[in-house]
C-alpha atoms as a PDB file:
ATOM      1  CA  MET A   1       0.000   0.000   0.000  1.00  0.00           C
ATOM      2  CA  SER A   2       1.362   3.390  -0.976  1.00  0.00           C
ATOM      3  CA  LEU A   3       1.852   6.154   1.628  1.00  0.00           C
ATOM      4  CA  ARG A   4      -0.875   8.247   0.043  1.00  0.00           C
ATOM      5  CA  LYS A   5      -3.411   5.467   0.257  1.00  0.00           C
ATOM      6  CA  TYR A   6      -2.350   4.687   3.832  1.00  0.00           C
ATOM      7  CA  LEU A   7      -2.872   8.293   4.963  1.00  0.00           C
ATOM      8  CA  THR A   8      -6.391   8.219   3.567  1.00  0.00           C
ATOM      9  CA  SER A   9      -7.263   4.777   4.820  1.00  0.00           C
ATOM     10  CA  ARG A  10      -9.529   3.859   7.743  1.00  0.00           C
ATOM     11  CA  VAL A  11      -6.633   2.127   9.444  1.00  0.00           C
ATOM     12  CA  PHE A  12      -4.655   5.380   9.635  1.00  0.00           C
ATOM     13  CA  PHE A  13      -7.596   7.336  11.060  1.00  0.00           C
ATOM     14  CA  ALA A  14      -8.304   4.598  13.586  1.00  0.00           C
ATOM     15  CA  GLN A  15      -4.695   4.612  14.743  1.00  0.00           C
ATOM     16  CA  LEU A  16      -4.677   8.418  14.878  1.00  0.00           C
ATOM     17  CA  LEU A  17      -7.807   8.474  17.028  1.00  0.00           C
ATOM     18  CA  ALA A  18      -6.333   5.815  19.314  1.00  0.00           C
ATOM     19  CA  ALA A  19      -3.132   7.866  19.715  1.00  0.00           C
ATOM     20  CA  LEU A  20      -5.113  11.047  20.528  1.00  0.00           C
ATOM     21  CA  ALA A  21      -7.176   9.145  23.079  1.00  0.00           C
ATOM     22  CA  ILE A  22      -4.039   7.827  24.749  1.00  0.00           C
ATOM     23  CA  LEU A  23      -2.552  11.365  24.864  1.00  0.00           C
ATOM     24  CA  ALA A  24      -5.759  12.729  26.378  1.00  0.00           C
ATOM     25  CA  VAL A  25      -5.752  10.051  29.080  1.00  0.00           C
ATOM     26  CA  LEU A  26      -2.067  10.670  29.854  1.00  0.00           C
ATOM     27  CA  ALA A  27      -2.647  14.432  30.030  1.00  0.00           C
ATOM     28  CA  TYR A  28      -5.588  13.951  32.400  1.00  0.00           C
ATOM     29  CA  LEU A  29      -3.593  11.645  34.647  1.00  0.00           C
ATOM     30  CA  PHE A  30      -0.616  14.045  34.641  1.00  0.00           C
ATOM     31  CA  PHE A  31      -2.617  17.127  35.661  1.00  0.00           C
ATOM     32  CA  HIS A  32      -4.527  15.109  38.239  1.00  0.00           C
ATOM     33  CA  TRP A  33      -1.203  13.991  39.731  1.00  0.00           C
ATOM     34  CA  ILE A  34       0.148  17.569  39.765  1.00  0.00           C
ATOM     35  CA  THR A  35      -3.007  18.751  41.505  1.00  0.00           C
ATOM     36  CA  PHE A  36      -2.664  16.062  44.148  1.00  0.00           C
ATOM     37  CA  ILE A  37       1.027  16.792  44.767  1.00  0.00           C
ATOM     38  CA  THR A  38       0.627  20.582  45.055  1.00  0.00           C
ATOM     39  CA  ASN A  39      -2.658  20.441  47.009  1.00  0.00           C
ATOM     40  CA  HIS A  40      -4.210  22.683  44.382  1.00  0.00           C
ATOM     41  CA  GLY A  41      -7.551  23.981  45.610  1.00  0.00           C
ATOM     42  CA  ASP A  42      -6.800  22.853  49.179  1.00  0.00           C
ATOM     43  CA  GLU A  43      -6.224  26.359  50.593  1.00  0.00           C
ATOM     44  CA  ILE A  44      -6.323  27.733  54.127  1.00  0.00           C
ATOM     45  CA  THR A  45      -7.917  31.020  55.129  1.00  0.00           C
ATOM     46  CA  VAL A  46      -5.486  33.159  57.130  1.00  0.00           C
ATOM     47  CA  PRO A  47      -7.066  34.063  60.490  1.00  0.00           C
ATOM     48  CA  ASN A  48      -7.062  37.515  62.076  1.00  0.00           C
ATOM     49  CA  LEU A  49      -4.127  37.621  64.509  1.00  0.00           C
ATOM     50  CA  GLY A  50      -4.680  41.196  65.682  1.00  0.00           C
ATOM     51  CA  LYS A  51      -4.205  41.791  69.434  1.00  0.00           C
ATOM     52  CA  LEU A  52      -2.923  38.240  70.004  1.00  0.00           C
ATOM     53  CA  ASN A  53       0.365  37.632  71.821  1.00  0.00           C
ATOM     54  CA  PRO A  54       2.992  35.281  70.298  1.00  0.00           C
ATOM     55  CA  GLU A  55       1.839  32.306  72.383  1.00  0.00           C
ATOM     56  CA  GLN A  56      -1.748  32.729  71.193  1.00  0.00           C
ATOM     57  CA  VAL A  57      -0.560  33.188  67.606  1.00  0.00           C
ATOM     58  CA  GLU A  58       1.436  29.953  67.715  1.00  0.00           C
ATOM     59  CA  GLU A  59      -1.484  28.003  69.154  1.00  0.00           C
ATOM     60  CA  LYS A  60      -3.917  29.319  66.557  1.00  0.00           C
ATOM     61  CA  LEU A  61      -1.628  28.767  63.559  1.00  0.00           C
ATOM     62  CA  ASP A  62      -0.567  25.276  64.642  1.00  0.00           C
ATOM     63  CA  GLU A  63      -4.173  24.176  64.303  1.00  0.00           C
ATOM     64  CA  LEU A  64      -4.142  25.360  60.677  1.00  0.00           C
ATOM     65  CA  ASP A  65      -0.723  23.967  59.741  1.00  0.00           C
ATOM     66  CA  LEU A  66       0.670  27.485  59.390  1.00  0.00           C
ATOM     67  CA  ASP A  67       3.869  29.007  60.773  1.00  0.00           C
ATOM     68  CA  TYR A  68       4.744  32.550  61.869  1.00  0.00           C
ATOM     69  CA  GLN A  69       7.754  34.836  62.184  1.00  0.00           C
ATOM     70  CA  ILE A  70       8.127  38.091  64.133  1.00  0.00           C
ATOM     71  CA  ILE A  71       9.857  40.588  61.862  1.00  0.00           C
ATOM     72  CA  ASP A  72       9.616  43.851  63.803  1.00  0.00           C
ATOM     73  CA  THR A  73       8.283  45.804  66.788  1.00  0.00           C
ATOM     74  CA  VAL A  74       6.434  48.993  65.898  1.00  0.00           C
ATOM     75  CA  ASP A  75       5.965  52.168  67.941  1.00  0.00           C
ATOM     76  CA  TYR A  76       3.636  51.723  70.885  1.00  0.00           C
ATOM     77  CA  ASN A  77      -0.029  51.975  69.925  1.00  0.00           C
ATOM     78  CA  PRO A  78      -2.353  52.498  72.933  1.00  0.00           C
ATOM     79  CA  ASN A  79      -5.201  50.872  70.981  1.00  0.00           C
ATOM     80  CA  PHE A  80      -3.427  47.493  71.141  1.00  0.00           C
ATOM     81  CA  PRO A  81      -2.268  45.511  74.186  1.00  0.00           C
ATOM     82  CA  LYS A  82       1.476  45.490  74.776  1.00  0.00           C
ATOM     83  CA  LEU A  83       3.496  42.980  72.707  1.00  0.00           C
ATOM     84  CA  THR A  84       0.540  41.853  70.616  1.00  0.00           C
ATOM     85  CA  VAL A  85       0.108  41.670  66.850  1.00  0.00           C
ATOM     86  CA  VAL A  86      -0.626  44.978  65.134  1.00  0.00           C
ATOM     87  CA  GLN A  87       0.198  43.961  61.544  1.00  0.00           C
ATOM     88  CA  GLN A  88       0.343  40.680  59.628  1.00  0.00           C
ATOM     89  CA  GLU A  89       1.251  39.538  56.134  1.00  0.00           C
ATOM     90  CA  PRO A  90      -0.597  37.863  54.433  1.00  0.00           C
ATOM     91  CA  THR A  91      -3.584  39.751  55.796  1.00  0.00           C
ATOM     92  CA  ALA A  92      -6.561  38.107  57.475  1.00  0.00           C
ATOM     93  CA  GLY A  93      -8.841  36.373  54.985  1.00  0.00           C
ATOM     94  CA  SER A  94      -6.085  35.625  52.455  1.00  0.00           C
ATOM     95  CA  LYS A  95      -5.919  32.129  50.945  1.00  0.00           C
ATOM     96  CA  VAL A  96      -2.637  30.248  51.421  1.00  0.00           C
ATOM     97  CA  LYS A  97      -1.346  26.681  51.315  1.00  0.00           C
ATOM     98  CA  GLY A  98      -0.411  24.629  54.352  1.00  0.00           C
ATOM     99  CA  GLY A  99       3.010  25.339  55.828  1.00  0.00           C
ATOM    100  CA  ARG A 100       2.942  29.019  54.789  1.00  0.00           C
ATOM    101  CA  THR A 101       4.740  31.476  57.090  1.00  0.00           C
ATOM    102  CA  ILE A 102       2.740  34.440  58.395  1.00  0.00           C
ATOM    103  CA  TYR A 103       4.916  37.489  59.113  1.00  0.00           C
ATOM    104  CA  ILE A 104       3.803  39.617  62.062  1.00  0.00           C
ATOM    105  CA  LYS A 105       4.727  42.895  63.754  1.00  0.00           C
ATOM    106  CA  LEU A 106       4.236  43.400  67.483  1.00  0.00           C
ATOM    107  CA  ASN A 107       3.187  46.438  69.475  1.00  0.00           C
ATOM    108  CA  ALA A 108       5.975  47.861  71.647  1.00  0.00           C
ATOM    109  CA  SER A 109       5.659  47.594  75.422  1.00  0.00           C
ATOM    110  CA  THR A 110       5.763  51.379  75.912  1.00  0.00           C
ATOM    111  CA  PHE A 111       6.350  54.654  74.118  1.00  0.00           C
ATOM    112  CA  LYS A 112       9.946  55.334  73.186  1.00  0.00           C
ATOM    113  CA  MET A 113      11.875  58.347  74.482  1.00  0.00           C
ATOM    114  CA  VAL A 114      12.246  61.450  72.308  1.00  0.00           C
ATOM    115  CA  ALA A 115      14.072  64.738  72.842  1.00  0.00           C
ATOM    116  CA  VAL A 116      11.983  67.884  73.319  1.00  0.00           C
ATOM    117  CA  PRO A 117      12.773  70.257  70.429  1.00  0.00           C
ATOM    118  CA  ASP A 118      13.949  73.815  70.982  1.00  0.00           C
ATOM    119  CA  LEU A 119      10.788  75.898  70.606  1.00  0.00           C
ATOM    120  CA  ILE A 120      11.958  78.964  72.514  1.00  0.00           C
ATOM    121  CA  GLU A 121      11.358  82.187  70.538  1.00  0.00           C
ATOM    122  CA  LYS A 122       9.496  80.267  67.867  1.00  0.00           C
ATOM    123  CA  THR A 123       5.899  81.145  67.066  1.00  0.00           C
ATOM    124  CA  TYR A 124       2.979  79.006  68.146  1.00  0.00           C
ATOM    125  CA  ARG A 125       2.290  78.109  64.513  1.00  0.00           C
ATOM    126  CA  GLN A 126       5.841  76.812  64.174  1.00  0.00           C
ATOM    127  CA  ALA A 127       5.911  75.045  67.542  1.00  0.00           C
ATOM    128  CA  VAL A 128       2.841  72.812  67.198  1.00  0.00           C
ATOM    129  CA  PRO A 129       3.854  71.112  63.894  1.00  0.00           C
ATOM    130  CA  THR A 130       7.369  70.637  65.291  1.00  0.00           C
ATOM    131  CA  LEU A 131       5.957  68.820  68.333  1.00  0.00           C
ATOM    132  CA  LYS A 132       3.679  66.621  66.255  1.00  0.00           C
ATOM    133  CA  ALA A 133       6.487  65.726  63.837  1.00  0.00           C
ATOM    134  CA  ILE A 134       8.340  63.831  66.595  1.00  0.00           C
ATOM    135  CA  GLY A 135       5.240  62.381  68.236  1.00  0.00           C
ATOM    136  CA  LEU A 136       4.634  64.901  71.028  1.00  0.00           C
ATOM    137  CA  GLN A 137       1.339  66.626  71.751  1.00  0.00           C
ATOM    138  CA  GLU A 138       0.313  70.184  72.462  1.00  0.00           C
ATOM    139  CA  GLY A 139      -0.646  70.658  76.092  1.00  0.00           C
ATOM    140  CA  GLU A 140      -2.076  73.679  77.899  1.00  0.00           C
ATOM    141  CA  ILE A 141      -1.415  77.184  76.601  1.00  0.00           C
ATOM    142  CA  LYS A 142      -0.691  80.087  78.936  1.00  0.00           C
ATOM    143  CA  TYR A 143      -0.236  83.720  77.938  1.00  0.00           C
ATOM    144  CA  VAL A 144       1.987  86.215  79.712  1.00  0.00           C
ATOM    145  CA  PRO A 145       2.741  89.875  78.963  1.00  0.00           C
ATOM    146  CA  TYR A 146       5.400  89.997  76.264  1.00  0.00           C
ATOM    147  CA  ILE A 147       5.876  92.084  73.145  1.00  0.00           C
ATOM    148  CA  GLY A 148       6.169  89.057  70.860  1.00  0.00           C
ATOM    149  CA  LYS A 149       2.642  87.782  70.250  1.00  0.00           C
ATOM    150  CA  ASP A 150       2.305  83.963  70.266  1.00  0.00           C
ATOM    151  CA  MET A 151       6.056  83.561  70.746  1.00  0.00           C
ATOM    152  CA  VAL A 152       7.092  80.576  72.862  1.00  0.00           C
ATOM    153  CA  LEU A 153       8.794  81.748  76.050  1.00  0.00           C
ATOM    154  CA  GLU A 154       8.800  78.594  78.177  1.00  0.00           C
ATOM    155  CA  MET A 155       7.992  74.866  77.942  1.00  0.00           C
ATOM    156  CA  TRP A 156       6.451  72.903  80.819  1.00  0.00           C
ATOM    157  CA  MET A 157       5.500  69.295  81.469  1.00  0.00           C
ATOM    158  CA  ASN A 158       3.637  67.901  84.476  1.00  0.00           C
ATOM    159  CA  GLY A 159       4.023  71.194  86.311  1.00  0.00           C
ATOM    160  CA  LYS A 160       7.784  71.439  85.757  1.00  0.00           C
ATOM    161  CA  LYS A 161       9.684  73.725  83.435  1.00  0.00           C
ATOM    162  CA  ILE A 162      11.725  71.765  80.893  1.00  0.00           C
ATOM    163  CA  LYS A 163      14.623  72.672  78.633  1.00  0.00           C
ATOM    164  CA  PRO A 164      15.160  71.816  74.956  1.00  0.00           C
ATOM    165  CA  GLY A 165      16.719  68.369  74.586  1.00  0.00           C
ATOM    166  CA  THR A 166      14.989  66.905  77.656  1.00  0.00           C
ATOM    167  CA  LYS A 167      14.106  63.230  77.075  1.00  0.00           C
ATOM    168  CA  VAL A 168      10.400  62.465  77.479  1.00  0.00           C
ATOM    169  CA  LEU A 169       8.087  59.640  76.446  1.00  0.00           C
ATOM    170  CA  LYS A 170       6.608  59.899  72.987  1.00  0.00           C
ATOM    171  CA  ALA A 171       3.008  61.198  72.994  1.00  0.00           C
ATOM    172  CA  SER A 172       3.694  63.345  76.086  1.00  0.00           C
ATOM    173  CA  LYS A 173       1.906  66.695  76.292  1.00  0.00           C
ATOM    174  CA  ILE A 174       4.076  69.812  76.344  1.00  0.00           C
ATOM    175  CA  ASP A 175       2.552  72.954  77.885  1.00  0.00           C
ATOM    176  CA  LEU A 176       3.565  76.227  76.252  1.00  0.00           C
ATOM    177  CA  VAL A 177       3.922  79.718  77.708  1.00  0.00           C
ATOM    178  CA  LEU A 178       3.332  82.310  74.989  1.00  0.00           C
ATOM    179  CA  GLY A 179       3.641  86.065  74.727  1.00  0.00           C
ATOM    180  CA  ASP A 180       0.352  87.944  74.447  1.00  0.00           C
ATOM    181  CA  GLY A 181       1.734  90.726  72.263  1.00  0.00           C
ATOM    182  CA  LYS A 182       1.077  93.388  74.887  1.00  0.00           C
ATOM    183  CA  VAL A 183       3.721  95.596  76.508  1.00  0.00           C
ATOM    184  CA  VAL A 184       3.116  96.284  80.187  1.00  0.00           C
ATOM    185  CA  PHE A 185       4.877  99.313  81.664  1.00  0.00           C
ATOM    186  CA  ASP A 186       6.060  98.676  85.202  1.00  0.00           C
ATOM    187  CA  GLU A 187       6.178 101.926  87.222  1.00  0.00           C
ATOM    188  CA  THR A 188       8.635 100.380  89.658  1.00  0.00           C
ATOM    189  CA  GLN A 189      11.196 100.496  86.887  1.00  0.00           C
ATOM    190  CA  LEU A 190      11.343 104.262  87.294  1.00  0.00           C
ATOM    191  CA  ASP A 191      13.089 103.898  90.634  1.00  0.00           C
ATOM    192  CA  SER A 192      15.884 101.967  88.993  1.00  0.00           C
ATOM    193  CA  ILE A 193      16.552 104.505  86.258  1.00  0.00           C
ATOM    194  CA  PRO A 194      19.674 106.517  87.197  1.00  0.00           C
ATOM    195  CA  ASN A 195      19.212 110.276  87.149  1.00  0.00           C
ATOM    196  CA  ASN A 196      22.523 111.671  85.963  1.00  0.00           C
ATOM    197  CA  GLU A 197      21.116 114.748  84.276  1.00  0.00           C
ATOM    198  CA  THR A 198      21.713 118.118  85.881  1.00  0.00           C
ATOM    199  CA  PRO A 199      18.606 120.327  86.326  1.00  0.00           C
ATOM    200  CA  VAL A 200      18.490 123.237  83.934  1.00  0.00           C
ATOM    201  CA  ASP A 201      18.278 125.796  86.717  1.00  0.00           C
ATOM    202  CA  THR A 202      21.549 124.595  88.242  1.00  0.00           C
ATOM    203  CA  ILE A 203      23.665 124.938  85.096  1.00  0.00           C
ATOM    204  CA  PRO A 204      26.221 127.683  85.816  1.00  0.00           C
ATOM    205  CA  ASN A 205      26.058 130.777  83.624  1.00  0.00           C
ATOM    206  CA  GLU A 206      28.929 131.257  81.286  1.00  0.00           C
ATOM    207  CA  GLN A 207      30.803 134.459  81.815  1.00  0.00           C
END
């Protein structure tokens, strides 16, 4: 039988169909095997670990065949208990496979210390953003007679006067003493002014 006749014969088409069927079966078995090996579709929902301490995190993730790793401690957040989870990756509700590591960040045990900036002779509008930039808060405001209106004259905390550079806990409130822009004339200052001028009526006449 010639090649041309063979390619157009029923035998060739039957063999071709048999080969395609075998390939289809092999492909199905291969992808089914891959799915089984990789646990495709068998995913775990990441739980919410917020406000849990490391011991609670470990207990909860062990039940789900998940692991965890602490990667950092963030600035103290009063809305979270000390040394509990404030951030996690992947986030709660994400779908992951068994054995996946969940990376977490813990809340610090307290506020860190920061240095009070030098606000003396700065205006109130300059002082407040400077305080907030390093995590401090504006406390009580007191005005005293001074020519410079809204100029910072003193800084106080918990009833004590503090100097620039003093170390305080972050989020502390700093009270400010400001000038009211008014000049008060103190009559008692007259007594301290030396009188070196000679009265006109005592100047000797020139001859």
